Each structure stands twice: as structure tokens, then as C-alpha cells.
Amino acid sequence: AASGRTLSSYGMAWFRQAPKKEREFVAGVSRTGITTYYADSVK
């Protein structure tokens, strides 16, 4: 959930960090929500 500014102005993504590992990309979505893309591990 976002506050302070409309979320429509931003591209968004999810990242994750497992124990003893670097933060990694999980999934992303464009500002319009039309385009999505994923890490191979979660497709």
C-alpha cells in the first residue's frame, strides 16, 4: 500500500532477500499495469 503520492506515477517491483543471500528481483510491473515480468525462479 502506498501513501503520499499516487502509485500510478511509478513503476513497481517486488524483491526478496533470503538468509545469507543477496537481495534479488522477483517480479515487476509497468506504471500502467499492462506489462509484467518475472524472475525465472518464480515464473
Full PDB file with SEQRES, HELIX, SHEET, SSBOND, CRYST1, ORIGX, SCALE, CONECT and MASTER records, all heavy atoms in Angstrom:
SEQRES   1 A   43  ALA ALA SER GLY ARG THR LEU SER SER TYR GLY MET ALA          
SEQRES   2 A   43  TRP PHE ARG GLN ALA PRO LYS LYS GLU ARG GLU PHE VAL          
SEQRES   3 A   43  ALA GLY VAL SER ARG THR GLY ILE THR THR TYR TYR ALA          
SEQRES   4 A   43  ASP SER VAL LYS                                              
HELIX    1 AA1 LEU A    7  SER A    9  5                                   3    
SHEET    1 AA1 3 MET A  12  ARG A  16  0                                        
SHEET    2 AA1 3 GLU A  24  VAL A  29 -1                                        
SHEET    3 AA1 3 THR A  36  TYR A  38 -1                                        
CRYST1    1.000    1.000    1.000  90.00  90.00  90.00 P 1           1          
ORIGX1      1.000000  0.000000  0.000000        0.00000                         
ORIGX2      0.000000  1.000000  0.000000        0.00000                         
ORIGX3      0.000000  0.000000  1.000000        0.00000                         
SCALE1      1.000000  0.000000  0.000000        0.00000                         
SCALE2      0.000000  1.000000  0.000000        0.00000                         
SCALE3      0.000000  0.000000  1.000000        0.00000                         
ATOM      1  N   ALA A   1       0.829  -1.191   0.000  1.00  0.00           N  
ATOM      2  CA  ALA A   1       0.000   0.000   0.000  1.00  0.00           C  
ATOM      3  C   ALA A   1       0.868   1.247   0.000  1.00  0.00           C  
ATOM      4  O   ALA A   1       1.827   1.345   0.769  1.00  0.00           O  
ATOM      5  CB  ALA A   1      -0.927   0.006   1.213  1.00  0.00           C  
ATOM      6  N   ALA A   2       0.527   2.199  -0.851  1.00  0.00           N  
ATOM      7  CA  ALA A   2       1.305   3.424  -0.983  1.00  0.00           C  
ATOM      8  C   ALA A   2       0.549   4.614  -0.411  1.00  0.00           C  
ATOM      9  O   ALA A   2      -0.681   4.676  -0.453  1.00  0.00           O  
ATOM     10  CB  ALA A   2       1.642   3.686  -2.443  1.00  0.00           C  
ATOM     11  N   SER A   3       1.306   5.558   0.107  1.00  0.00           N  
ATOM     12  CA  SER A   3       0.742   6.814   0.592  1.00  0.00           C  
ATOM     13  C   SER A   3       1.691   7.944   0.250  1.00  0.00           C  
ATOM     14  O   SER A   3       2.884   7.731   0.036  1.00  0.00           O  
ATOM     15  CB  SER A   3       0.498   6.766   2.097  1.00  0.00           C  
ATOM     16  OG  SER A   3       1.715   6.588   2.807  1.00  0.00           O  
ATOM     17  N   GLY A   4       1.171   9.153   0.206  1.00  0.00           N  
ATOM     18  CA  GLY A   4       1.990  10.322  -0.065  1.00  0.00           C  
ATOM     19  C   GLY A   4       1.969  10.780  -1.512  1.00  0.00           C  
ATOM     20  O   GLY A   4       2.188  11.951  -1.783  1.00  0.00           O  
ATOM     21  N   ARG A   5       1.723   9.856  -2.425  1.00  0.00           N  
ATOM     22  CA  ARG A   5       1.678  10.166  -3.843  1.00  0.00           C  
ATOM     23  C   ARG A   5       0.985   9.027  -4.571  1.00  0.00           C  
ATOM     24  O   ARG A   5       1.135   7.864  -4.186  1.00  0.00           O  
ATOM     25  CB  ARG A   5       3.088  10.388  -4.404  1.00  0.00           C  
ATOM     26  CG  ARG A   5       3.137  10.976  -5.798  1.00  0.00           C  
ATOM     27  CD  ARG A   5       4.581  11.195  -6.242  1.00  0.00           C  
ATOM     28  NE  ARG A   5       4.665  11.766  -7.566  1.00  0.00           N  
ATOM     29  CZ  ARG A   5       4.665  13.067  -7.835  1.00  0.00           C  
ATOM     30  NH1 ARG A   5       4.593  13.942  -6.842  1.00  0.00           N  
ATOM     31  NH2 ARG A   5       4.745  13.505  -9.078  1.00  0.00           N  
ATOM     32  N   THR A   6       0.267   9.357  -5.621  1.00  0.00           N  
ATOM     33  CA  THR A   6      -0.447   8.323  -6.357  1.00  0.00           C  
ATOM     34  C   THR A   6       0.524   7.311  -6.946  1.00  0.00           C  
ATOM     35  O   THR A   6       1.550   7.670  -7.520  1.00  0.00           O  
ATOM     36  CB  THR A   6      -1.316   8.925  -7.460  1.00  0.00           C  
ATOM     37  OG1 THR A   6      -1.916   7.875  -8.213  1.00  0.00           O  
ATOM     38  CG2 THR A   6      -0.482   9.789  -8.401  1.00  0.00           C  
ATOM     39  N   LEU A   7       0.196   6.052  -6.807  1.00  0.00           N  
ATOM     40  CA  LEU A   7       1.057   4.978  -7.266  1.00  0.00           C  
ATOM     41  C   LEU A   7       1.127   4.900  -8.781  1.00  0.00           C  
ATOM     42  O   LEU A   7       2.037   4.281  -9.331  1.00  0.00           O  
ATOM     43  CB  LEU A   7       0.578   3.651  -6.680  1.00  0.00           C  
ATOM     44  CG  LEU A   7       1.599   2.526  -6.508  1.00  0.00           C  
ATOM     45  CD1 LEU A   7       2.764   2.988  -5.664  1.00  0.00           C  
ATOM     46  CD2 LEU A   7       0.931   1.311  -5.888  1.00  0.00           C  
ATOM     47  N   SER A   8       0.184   5.514  -9.462  1.00  0.00           N  
ATOM     48  CA  SER A   8       0.165   5.469 -10.920  1.00  0.00           C  
ATOM     49  C   SER A   8       1.362   6.164 -11.542  1.00  0.00           C  
ATOM     50  O   SER A   8       1.634   5.986 -12.734  1.00  0.00           O  
ATOM     51  CB  SER A   8      -1.133   6.076 -11.453  1.00  0.00           C  
ATOM     52  OG  SER A   8      -1.229   7.446 -11.115  1.00  0.00           O  
ATOM     53  N   SER A   9       2.088   6.962 -10.766  1.00  0.00           N  
ATOM     54  CA  SER A   9       3.258   7.670 -11.272  1.00  0.00           C  
ATOM     55  C   SER A   9       4.511   6.806 -11.297  1.00  0.00           C  
ATOM     56  O   SER A   9       5.546   7.247 -11.792  1.00  0.00           O  
ATOM     57  CB  SER A   9       3.531   8.910 -10.421  1.00  0.00           C  
ATOM     58  OG  SER A   9       2.442   9.818 -10.464  1.00  0.00           O  
ATOM     59  N   TYR A  10       4.430   5.578 -10.782  1.00  0.00           N  
ATOM     60  CA  TYR A  10       5.616   4.767 -10.568  1.00  0.00           C  
ATOM     61  C   TYR A  10       5.523   3.381 -11.185  1.00  0.00           C  
ATOM     62  O   TYR A  10       4.471   2.747 -11.177  1.00  0.00           O  
ATOM     63  CB  TYR A  10       5.875   4.599  -9.067  1.00  0.00           C  
ATOM     64  CG  TYR A  10       6.076   5.896  -8.333  1.00  0.00           C  
ATOM     65  CD1 TYR A  10       5.004   6.552  -7.748  1.00  0.00           C  
ATOM     66  CD2 TYR A  10       7.348   6.454  -8.230  1.00  0.00           C  
ATOM     67  CE1 TYR A  10       5.192   7.747  -7.078  1.00  0.00           C  
ATOM     68  CE2 TYR A  10       7.535   7.648  -7.559  1.00  0.00           C  
ATOM     69  CZ  TYR A  10       6.458   8.290  -6.984  1.00  0.00           C  
ATOM     70  OH  TYR A  10       6.651   9.474  -6.315  1.00  0.00           O  
ATOM     71  N   GLY A  11       6.670   2.933 -11.698  1.00  0.00           N  
ATOM     72  CA  GLY A  11       6.826   1.522 -11.955  1.00  0.00           C  
ATOM     73  C   GLY A  11       7.061   0.826 -10.621  1.00  0.00           C  
ATOM     74  O   GLY A  11       7.630   1.411  -9.704  1.00  0.00           O  
ATOM     75  N   MET A  12       6.627  -0.422 -10.513  1.00  0.00           N  
ATOM     76  CA  MET A  12       6.689  -1.130  -9.243  1.00  0.00           C  
ATOM     77  C   MET A  12       7.356  -2.487  -9.414  1.00  0.00           C  
ATOM     78  O   MET A  12       7.325  -3.074 -10.494  1.00  0.00           O  
ATOM     79  CB  MET A  12       5.287  -1.339  -8.664  1.00  0.00           C  
ATOM     80  CG  MET A  12       4.487  -0.064  -8.463  1.00  0.00           C  
ATOM     81  SD  MET A  12       5.168   0.987  -7.150  1.00  0.00           S  
ATOM     82  CE  MET A  12       5.037  -0.093  -5.738  1.00  0.00           C  
ATOM     83  N   ALA A  13       7.926  -2.980  -8.324  1.00  0.00           N  
ATOM     84  CA  ALA A  13       8.559  -4.290  -8.352  1.00  0.00           C  
ATOM     85  C   ALA A  13       8.588  -4.896  -6.956  1.00  0.00           C  
ATOM     86  O   ALA A  13       8.474  -4.184  -5.947  1.00  0.00           O  
ATOM     87  CB  ALA A  13       9.978  -4.196  -8.906  1.00  0.00           C  
ATOM     88  N   TRP A  14       8.742  -6.199  -6.932  1.00  0.00           N  
ATOM     89  CA  TRP A  14       8.982  -6.938  -5.698  1.00  0.00           C  
ATOM     90  C   TRP A  14      10.378  -7.542  -5.750  1.00  0.00           C  
ATOM     91  O   TRP A  14      10.775  -8.120  -6.770  1.00  0.00           O  
ATOM     92  CB  TRP A  14       7.963  -8.062  -5.502  1.00  0.00           C  
ATOM     93  CG  TRP A  14       6.583  -7.600  -5.152  1.00  0.00           C  
ATOM     94  CD1 TRP A  14       5.554  -7.347  -6.000  1.00  0.00           C  
ATOM     95  CD2 TRP A  14       6.079  -7.355  -3.834  1.00  0.00           C  
ATOM     96  NE1 TRP A  14       4.438  -6.955  -5.307  1.00  0.00           N  
ATOM     97  CE2 TRP A  14       4.734  -6.948  -3.968  1.00  0.00           C  
ATOM     98  CE3 TRP A  14       6.630  -7.437  -2.555  1.00  0.00           C  
ATOM     99  CZ2 TRP A  14       3.929  -6.626  -2.875  1.00  0.00           C  
ATOM    100  CZ3 TRP A  14       5.839  -7.111  -1.467  1.00  0.00           C  
ATOM    101  CH2 TRP A  14       4.505  -6.709  -1.639  1.00  0.00           C  
ATOM    102  N   PHE A  15      11.096  -7.391  -4.659  1.00  0.00           N  
ATOM    103  CA  PHE A  15      12.389  -8.027  -4.467  1.00  0.00           C  
ATOM    104  C   PHE A  15      12.316  -8.888  -3.210  1.00  0.00           C  
ATOM    105  O   PHE A  15      11.406  -8.740  -2.400  1.00  0.00           O  
ATOM    106  CB  PHE A  15      13.504  -6.988  -4.309  1.00  0.00           C  
ATOM    107  CG  PHE A  15      13.815  -6.213  -5.558  1.00  0.00           C  
ATOM    108  CD1 PHE A  15      12.986  -5.191  -5.997  1.00  0.00           C  
ATOM    109  CD2 PHE A  15      14.951  -6.504  -6.302  1.00  0.00           C  
ATOM    110  CE1 PHE A  15      13.273  -4.473  -7.140  1.00  0.00           C  
ATOM    111  CE2 PHE A  15      15.253  -5.789  -7.456  1.00  0.00           C  
ATOM    112  CZ  PHE A  15      14.415  -4.781  -7.870  1.00  0.00           C  
ATOM    113  N   ARG A  16      13.282  -9.765  -3.046  1.00  0.00           N  
ATOM    114  CA  ARG A  16      13.329 -10.569  -1.826  1.00  0.00           C  
ATOM    115  C   ARG A  16      14.773 -10.829  -1.429  1.00  0.00           C  
ATOM    116  O   ARG A  16      15.683 -10.801  -2.251  1.00  0.00           O  
ATOM    117  CB  ARG A  16      12.586 -11.895  -1.996  1.00  0.00           C  
ATOM    118  CG  ARG A  16      13.248 -12.878  -2.960  1.00  0.00           C  
ATOM    119  CD  ARG A  16      12.366 -14.105  -3.164  1.00  0.00           C  
ATOM    120  NE  ARG A  16      12.982 -15.088  -4.041  1.00  0.00           N  
ATOM    121  CZ  ARG A  16      12.372 -16.179  -4.489  1.00  0.00           C  
ATOM    122  NH1 ARG A  16      11.120 -16.427  -4.127  1.00  0.00           N  
ATOM    123  NH2 ARG A  16      13.016 -17.019  -5.290  1.00  0.00           N  
ATOM    124  N   GLN A  17      14.960 -11.096  -0.142  1.00  0.00           N  
ATOM    125  CA  GLN A  17      16.281 -11.411   0.371  1.00  0.00           C  
ATOM    126  C   GLN A  17      16.170 -12.587   1.325  1.00  0.00           C  
ATOM    127  O   GLN A  17      15.546 -12.478   2.381  1.00  0.00           O  
ATOM    128  CB  GLN A  17      16.904 -10.204   1.072  1.00  0.00           C  
ATOM    129  CG  GLN A  17      18.342 -10.425   1.492  1.00  0.00           C  
ATOM    130  CD  GLN A  17      19.024  -9.144   1.926  1.00  0.00           C  
ATOM    131  OE1 GLN A  17      18.365  -8.157   2.247  1.00  0.00           O  
ATOM    132  NE2 GLN A  17      20.341  -9.154   1.934  1.00  0.00           N  
ATOM    133  N   ALA A  18      16.771 -13.686   0.939  1.00  0.00           N  
ATOM    134  CA  ALA A  18      16.795 -14.882   1.761  1.00  0.00           C  
ATOM    135  C   ALA A  18      17.997 -14.836   2.697  1.00  0.00           C  
ATOM    136  O   ALA A  18      18.952 -14.091   2.458  1.00  0.00           O  
ATOM    137  CB  ALA A  18      16.858 -16.124   0.876  1.00  0.00           C  
ATOM    138  N   PRO A  19      17.979 -15.634   3.765  1.00  0.00           N  
ATOM    139  CA  PRO A  19      19.115 -15.650   4.694  1.00  0.00           C  
ATOM    140  C   PRO A  19      20.427 -15.950   3.991  1.00  0.00           C  
ATOM    141  O   PRO A  19      20.512 -16.865   3.167  1.00  0.00           O  
ATOM    142  CB  PRO A  19      18.744 -16.769   5.668  1.00  0.00           C  
ATOM    143  CG  PRO A  19      17.256 -16.809   5.646  1.00  0.00           C  
ATOM    144  CD  PRO A  19      16.890 -16.512   4.216  1.00  0.00           C  
ATOM    145  N   LYS A  20      21.434 -15.160   4.271  1.00  0.00           N  
ATOM    146  CA  LYS A  20      22.779 -15.330   3.734  1.00  0.00           C  
ATOM    147  C   LYS A  20      22.859 -15.172   2.217  1.00  0.00           C  
ATOM    148  O   LYS A  20      23.807 -15.640   1.584  1.00  0.00           O  
ATOM    149  CB  LYS A  20      23.361 -16.684   4.152  1.00  0.00           C  
ATOM    150  CG  LYS A  20      23.451 -16.876   5.656  1.00  0.00           C  
ATOM    151  CD  LYS A  20      24.056 -18.214   6.002  1.00  0.00           C  
ATOM    152  CE  LYS A  20      24.152 -18.410   7.502  1.00  0.00           C  
ATOM    153  NZ  LYS A  20      24.743 -19.713   7.845  1.00  0.00           N  
ATOM    154  N   LYS A  21      21.875 -14.516   1.630  1.00  0.00           N  
ATOM    155  CA  LYS A  21      21.886 -14.277   0.197  1.00  0.00           C  
ATOM    156  C   LYS A  21      21.686 -12.792  -0.106  1.00  0.00           C  
ATOM    157  O   LYS A  21      21.201 -12.038   0.733  1.00  0.00           O  
ATOM    158  CB  LYS A  21      20.792 -15.086  -0.498  1.00  0.00           C  
ATOM    159  CG  LYS A  21      20.992 -16.593  -0.459  1.00  0.00           C  
ATOM    160  CD  LYS A  21      19.923 -17.304  -1.253  1.00  0.00           C  
ATOM    161  CE  LYS A  21      20.138 -18.806  -1.258  1.00  0.00           C  
ATOM    162  NZ  LYS A  21      19.084 -19.502  -2.035  1.00  0.00           N  
ATOM    163  N   GLU A  22      22.060 -12.392  -1.313  1.00  0.00           N  
ATOM    164  CA  GLU A  22      21.854 -11.021  -1.747  1.00  0.00           C  
ATOM    165  C   GLU A  22      20.397 -10.801  -2.124  1.00  0.00           C  
ATOM    166  O   GLU A  22      19.675 -11.743  -2.472  1.00  0.00           O  
ATOM    167  CB  GLU A  22      22.754 -10.705  -2.941  1.00  0.00           C  
ATOM    168  CG  GLU A  22      24.242 -10.804  -2.656  1.00  0.00           C  
ATOM    169  CD  GLU A  22      24.698  -9.774  -1.659  1.00  0.00           C  
ATOM    170  OE1 GLU A  22      24.244  -8.615  -1.752  1.00  0.00           O  
ATOM    171  OE2 GLU A  22      25.498 -10.117  -0.776  1.00  0.00           O  
ATOM    172  N   ARG A  23      19.969  -9.552  -2.060  1.00  0.00           N  
ATOM    173  CA  ARG A  23      18.625  -9.217  -2.476  1.00  0.00           C  
ATOM    174  C   ARG A  23      18.475  -9.488  -3.979  1.00  0.00           C  
ATOM    175  O   ARG A  23      19.358  -9.151  -4.772  1.00  0.00           O  
ATOM    176  CB  ARG A  23      18.322  -7.755  -2.167  1.00  0.00           C  
ATOM    177  CG  ARG A  23      16.894  -7.339  -2.473  1.00  0.00           C  
ATOM    178  CD  ARG A  23      16.617  -5.917  -1.999  1.00  0.00           C  
ATOM    179  NE  ARG A  23      16.754  -5.807  -0.560  1.00  0.00           N  
ATOM    180  CZ  ARG A  23      16.499  -4.687   0.129  1.00  0.00           C  
ATOM    181  NH1 ARG A  23      16.102  -3.593  -0.508  1.00  0.00           N  
ATOM    182  NH2 ARG A  23      16.660  -4.668   1.434  1.00  0.00           N  
ATOM    183  N   GLU A  24      17.367 -10.094  -4.364  1.00  0.00           N  
ATOM    184  CA  GLU A  24      17.154 -10.450  -5.752  1.00  0.00           C  
ATOM    185  C   GLU A  24      15.785 -10.006  -6.239  1.00  0.00           C  
ATOM    186  O   GLU A  24      14.822  -9.916  -5.475  1.00  0.00           O  
ATOM    187  CB  GLU A  24      17.305 -11.963  -5.962  1.00  0.00           C  
ATOM    188  CG  GLU A  24      16.256 -12.796  -5.245  1.00  0.00           C  
ATOM    189  CD  GLU A  24      16.369 -14.279  -5.537  1.00  0.00           C  
ATOM    190  OE1 GLU A  24      17.175 -14.667  -6.400  1.00  0.00           O  
ATOM    191  OE2 GLU A  24      15.643 -15.066  -4.891  1.00  0.00           O  
ATOM    192  N   PHE A  25      15.713  -9.750  -7.523  1.00  0.00           N  
ATOM    193  CA  PHE A  25      14.468  -9.360  -8.163  1.00  0.00           C  
ATOM    194  C   PHE A  25      13.506 -10.532  -8.216  1.00  0.00           C  
ATOM    195  O   PHE A  25      13.906 -11.673  -8.446  1.00  0.00           O  
ATOM    196  CB  PHE A  25      14.756  -8.859  -9.585  1.00  0.00           C  
ATOM    197  CG  PHE A  25      13.538  -8.678 -10.432  1.00  0.00           C  
ATOM    198  CD1 PHE A  25      12.764  -7.534 -10.330  1.00  0.00           C  
ATOM    199  CD2 PHE A  25      13.161  -9.653 -11.339  1.00  0.00           C  
ATOM    200  CE1 PHE A  25      11.638  -7.363 -11.110  1.00  0.00           C  
ATOM    201  CE2 PHE A  25      12.045  -9.494 -12.125  1.00  0.00           C  
ATOM    202  CZ  PHE A  25      11.280  -8.340 -12.003  1.00  0.00           C  
ATOM    203  N   VAL A  26      12.220 -10.242  -8.024  1.00  0.00           N  
ATOM    204  CA  VAL A  26      11.180 -11.264  -8.086  1.00  0.00           C  
ATOM    205  C   VAL A  26      10.199 -11.003  -9.227  1.00  0.00           C  
ATOM    206  O   VAL A  26       9.974 -11.860 -10.078  1.00  0.00           O  
ATOM    207  CB  VAL A  26      10.400 -11.358  -6.762  1.00  0.00           C  
ATOM    208  CG1 VAL A  26       9.271 -12.380  -6.870  1.00  0.00           C  
ATOM    209  CG2 VAL A  26      11.344 -11.720  -5.622  1.00  0.00           C  
ATOM    210  N   ALA A  27       9.593  -9.821  -9.237  1.00  0.00           N  
ATOM    211  CA  ALA A  27       8.580  -9.502 -10.239  1.00  0.00           C  
ATOM    212  C   ALA A  27       8.457  -7.995 -10.397  1.00  0.00           C  
ATOM    213  O   ALA A  27       8.676  -7.248  -9.451  1.00  0.00           O  
ATOM    214  CB  ALA A  27       7.223 -10.093  -9.855  1.00  0.00           C  
ATOM    215  N   GLY A  28       8.081  -7.552 -11.599  1.00  0.00           N  
ATOM    216  CA  GLY A  28       7.914  -6.131 -11.856  1.00  0.00           C  
ATOM    217  C   GLY A  28       6.684  -5.865 -12.699  1.00  0.00           C  
ATOM    218  O   GLY A  28       6.213  -6.735 -13.423  1.00  0.00           O  
ATOM    219  N   VAL A  29       6.173  -4.641 -12.606  1.00  0.00           N  
ATOM    220  CA  VAL A  29       5.007  -4.228 -13.380  1.00  0.00           C  
ATOM    221  C   VAL A  29       5.174  -2.767 -13.785  1.00  0.00           C  
ATOM    222  O   VAL A  29       5.643  -1.941 -12.998  1.00  0.00           O  
ATOM    223  CB  VAL A  29       3.696  -4.450 -12.587  1.00  0.00           C  
ATOM    224  CG1 VAL A  29       3.699  -3.654 -11.285  1.00  0.00           C  
ATOM    225  CG2 VAL A  29       2.485  -4.107 -13.436  1.00  0.00           C  
ATOM    226  N   SER A  30       4.793  -2.457 -15.019  1.00  0.00           N  
ATOM    227  CA  SER A  30       4.900  -1.095 -15.521  1.00  0.00           C  
ATOM    228  C   SER A  30       3.881  -0.188 -14.854  1.00  0.00           C  
ATOM    229  O   SER A  30       2.987  -0.641 -14.137  1.00  0.00           O  
ATOM    230  CB  SER A  30       4.701  -1.083 -17.037  1.00  0.00           C  
ATOM    231  OG  SER A  30       3.393  -1.505 -17.377  1.00  0.00           O  
ATOM    232  N   ARG A  31       3.996   1.108 -15.110  1.00  0.00           N  
ATOM    233  CA  ARG A  31       3.094   2.074 -14.498  1.00  0.00           C  
ATOM    234  C   ARG A  31       1.630   1.804 -14.829  1.00  0.00           C  
ATOM    235  O   ARG A  31       0.757   1.995 -13.982  1.00  0.00           O  
ATOM    236  CB  ARG A  31       3.459   3.495 -14.925  1.00  0.00           C  
ATOM    237  CG  ARG A  31       4.769   4.018 -14.363  1.00  0.00           C  
ATOM    238  CD  ARG A  31       4.894   5.493 -14.654  1.00  0.00           C  
ATOM    239  NE  ARG A  31       4.893   5.756 -16.081  1.00  0.00           N  
ATOM    240  CZ  ARG A  31       4.613   6.935 -16.632  1.00  0.00           C  
ATOM    241  NH1 ARG A  31       4.302   7.960 -15.849  1.00  0.00           N  
ATOM    242  NH2 ARG A  31       4.650   7.078 -17.940  1.00  0.00           N  
ATOM    243  N   THR A  32       1.374   1.373 -16.038  1.00  0.00           N  
ATOM    244  CA  THR A  32       0.002   1.123 -16.469  1.00  0.00           C  
ATOM    245  C   THR A  32      -0.527  -0.226 -16.006  1.00  0.00           C  
ATOM    246  O   THR A  32      -1.738  -0.447 -16.011  1.00  0.00           O  
ATOM    247  CB  THR A  32      -0.104   1.184 -17.994  1.00  0.00           C  
ATOM    248  OG1 THR A  32       0.690   0.150 -18.569  1.00  0.00           O  
ATOM    249  CG2 THR A  32       0.383   2.534 -18.507  1.00  0.00           C  
ATOM    250  N   GLY A  33       0.360  -1.125 -15.635  1.00  0.00           N  
ATOM    251  CA  GLY A  33      -0.039  -2.462 -15.255  1.00  0.00           C  
ATOM    252  C   GLY A  33      -0.163  -3.408 -16.433  1.00  0.00           C  
ATOM    253  O   GLY A  33      -0.477  -4.589 -16.244  1.00  0.00           O  
ATOM    254  N   ILE A  34       0.078  -2.911 -17.634  1.00  0.00           N  
ATOM    255  CA  ILE A  34      -0.066  -3.726 -18.832  1.00  0.00           C  
ATOM    256  C   ILE A  34       1.067  -4.739 -18.961  1.00  0.00           C  
ATOM    257  O   ILE A  34       0.848  -5.891 -19.356  1.00  0.00           O  
ATOM    258  CB  ILE A  34      -0.124  -2.845 -20.090  1.00  0.00           C  
ATOM    259  CG1 ILE A  34      -1.335  -1.902 -20.020  1.00  0.00           C  
ATOM    260  CG2 ILE A  34      -0.178  -3.696 -21.346  1.00  0.00           C  
ATOM    261  CD1 ILE A  34      -2.661  -2.618 -19.944  1.00  0.00           C  
ATOM    262  N   THR A  35       2.289  -4.321 -18.637  1.00  0.00           N  
ATOM    263  CA  THR A  35       3.458  -5.170 -18.802  1.00  0.00           C  
ATOM    264  C   THR A  35       3.941  -5.702 -17.455  1.00  0.00           C  
ATOM    265  O   THR A  35       4.130  -4.938 -16.514  1.00  0.00           O  
ATOM    266  CB  THR A  35       4.601  -4.402 -19.483  1.00  0.00           C  
ATOM    267  OG1 THR A  35       4.143  -3.876 -20.730  1.00  0.00           O  
ATOM    268  CG2 THR A  35       5.792  -5.315 -19.725  1.00  0.00           C  
ATOM    269  N   THR A  36       4.121  -7.007 -17.379  1.00  0.00           N  
ATOM    270  CA  THR A  36       4.677  -7.645 -16.189  1.00  0.00           C  
ATOM    271  C   THR A  36       5.833  -8.544 -16.587  1.00  0.00           C  
ATOM    272  O   THR A  36       5.889  -9.033 -17.719  1.00  0.00           O  
ATOM    273  CB  THR A  36       3.626  -8.471 -15.439  1.00  0.00           C  
ATOM    274  OG1 THR A  36       3.117  -9.490 -16.306  1.00  0.00           O  
ATOM    275  CG2 THR A  36       2.469  -7.591 -14.984  1.00  0.00           C  
ATOM    276  N   TYR A  37       6.740  -8.792 -15.656  1.00  0.00           N  
ATOM    277  CA  TYR A  37       7.882  -9.637 -15.937  1.00  0.00           C  
ATOM    278  C   TYR A  37       8.367 -10.252 -14.624  1.00  0.00           C  
ATOM    279  O   TYR A  37       8.153  -9.696 -13.546  1.00  0.00           O  
ATOM    280  CB  TYR A  37       9.005  -8.858 -16.638  1.00  0.00           C  
ATOM    281  CG  TYR A  37       9.372  -7.557 -15.959  1.00  0.00           C  
ATOM    282  CD1 TYR A  37      10.499  -7.456 -15.159  1.00  0.00           C  
ATOM    283  CD2 TYR A  37       8.588  -6.421 -16.136  1.00  0.00           C  
ATOM    284  CE1 TYR A  37      10.827  -6.266 -14.544  1.00  0.00           C  
ATOM    285  CE2 TYR A  37       8.909  -5.225 -15.523  1.00  0.00           C  
ATOM    286  CZ  TYR A  37      10.034  -5.152 -14.730  1.00  0.00           C  
ATOM    287  OH  TYR A  37      10.361  -3.966 -14.113  1.00  0.00           O  
ATOM    288  N   TYR A  38       9.048 -11.411 -14.723  1.00  0.00           N  
ATOM    289  CA  TYR A  38       9.353 -12.205 -13.546  1.00  0.00           C  
ATOM    290  C   TYR A  38      10.747 -12.815 -13.596  1.00  0.00           C  
ATOM    291  O   TYR A  38      11.312 -13.049 -14.667  1.00  0.00           O  
ATOM    292  CB  TYR A  38       8.343 -13.349 -13.414  1.00  0.00           C  
ATOM    293  CG  TYR A  38       6.915 -12.889 -13.330  1.00  0.00           C  
ATOM    294  CD1 TYR A  38       6.156 -12.676 -14.480  1.00  0.00           C  
ATOM    295  CD2 TYR A  38       6.320 -12.669 -12.093  1.00  0.00           C  
ATOM    296  CE1 TYR A  38       4.841 -12.245 -14.399  1.00  0.00           C  
ATOM    297  CE2 TYR A  38       5.006 -12.240 -12.007  1.00  0.00           C  
ATOM    298  CZ  TYR A  38       4.272 -12.029 -13.165  1.00  0.00           C  
ATOM    299  OH  TYR A  38       2.971 -11.605 -13.072  1.00  0.00           O  
ATOM    300  N   ALA A  39      11.278 -13.095 -12.418  1.00  0.00           N  
ATOM    301  CA  ALA A  39      12.472 -13.903 -12.328  1.00  0.00           C  
ATOM    302  C   ALA A  39      12.144 -15.326 -12.769  1.00  0.00           C  
ATOM    303  O   ALA A  39      11.024 -15.809 -12.561  1.00  0.00           O  
ATOM    304  CB  ALA A  39      13.006 -13.910 -10.897  1.00  0.00           C  
ATOM    305  N   ASP A  40      13.113 -15.994 -13.375  1.00  0.00           N  
ATOM    306  CA  ASP A  40      12.878 -17.352 -13.864  1.00  0.00           C  
ATOM    307  C   ASP A  40      12.435 -18.293 -12.744  1.00  0.00           C  
ATOM    308  O   ASP A  40      11.643 -19.214 -12.974  1.00  0.00           O  
ATOM    309  CB  ASP A  40      14.140 -17.905 -14.520  1.00  0.00           C  
ATOM    310  CG  ASP A  40      14.447 -17.244 -15.848  1.00  0.00           C  
ATOM    311  OD1 ASP A  40      13.529 -16.649 -16.452  1.00  0.00           O  
ATOM    312  OD2 ASP A  40      15.609 -17.330 -16.297  1.00  0.00           O  
ATOM    313  N   SER A  41      12.913 -18.063 -11.548  1.00  0.00           N  
ATOM    314  CA  SER A  41      12.625 -18.950 -10.434  1.00  0.00           C  
ATOM    315  C   SER A  41      11.163 -18.929  -9.992  1.00  0.00           C  
ATOM    316  O   SER A  41      10.717 -19.849  -9.302  1.00  0.00           O  
ATOM    317  CB  SER A  41      13.523 -18.607  -9.240  1.00  0.00           C  
ATOM    318  OG  SER A  41      13.318 -17.268  -8.824  1.00  0.00           O  
ATOM    319  N   VAL A  42      10.412 -17.888 -10.375  1.00  0.00           N  
ATOM    320  CA  VAL A  42       9.028 -17.772  -9.928  1.00  0.00           C  
ATOM    321  C   VAL A  42       8.023 -17.770 -11.071  1.00  0.00           C  
ATOM    322  O   VAL A  42       6.813 -17.730 -10.816  1.00  0.00           O  
ATOM    323  CB  VAL A  42       8.816 -16.516  -9.064  1.00  0.00           C  
ATOM    324  CG1 VAL A  42       9.797 -16.493  -7.903  1.00  0.00           C  
ATOM    325  CG2 VAL A  42       8.941 -15.246  -9.902  1.00  0.00           C  
ATOM    326  N   LYS A  43       8.482 -17.827 -12.307  1.00  0.00           N  
ATOM    327  CA  LYS A  43       7.573 -17.822 -13.449  1.00  0.00           C  
ATOM    328  C   LYS A  43       6.602 -18.993 -13.369  1.00  0.00           C  
ATOM    329  O   LYS A  43       6.986 -20.116 -13.091  1.00  0.00           O  
ATOM    330  CB  LYS A  43       8.360 -17.888 -14.760  1.00  0.00           C  
ATOM    331  CG  LYS A  43       9.026 -16.590 -15.154  1.00  0.00           C  
ATOM    332  CD  LYS A  43       9.739 -16.724 -16.491  1.00  0.00           C  
ATOM    333  CE  LYS A  43      10.384 -15.416 -16.902  1.00  0.00           C  
ATOM    334  NZ  LYS A  43      11.120 -15.532 -18.179  1.00  0.00           N  
TER     335      LYS A  43                                                      
MASTER        0    0    0    1    3    0    0    6  334    1    0    4          
END                                                                             
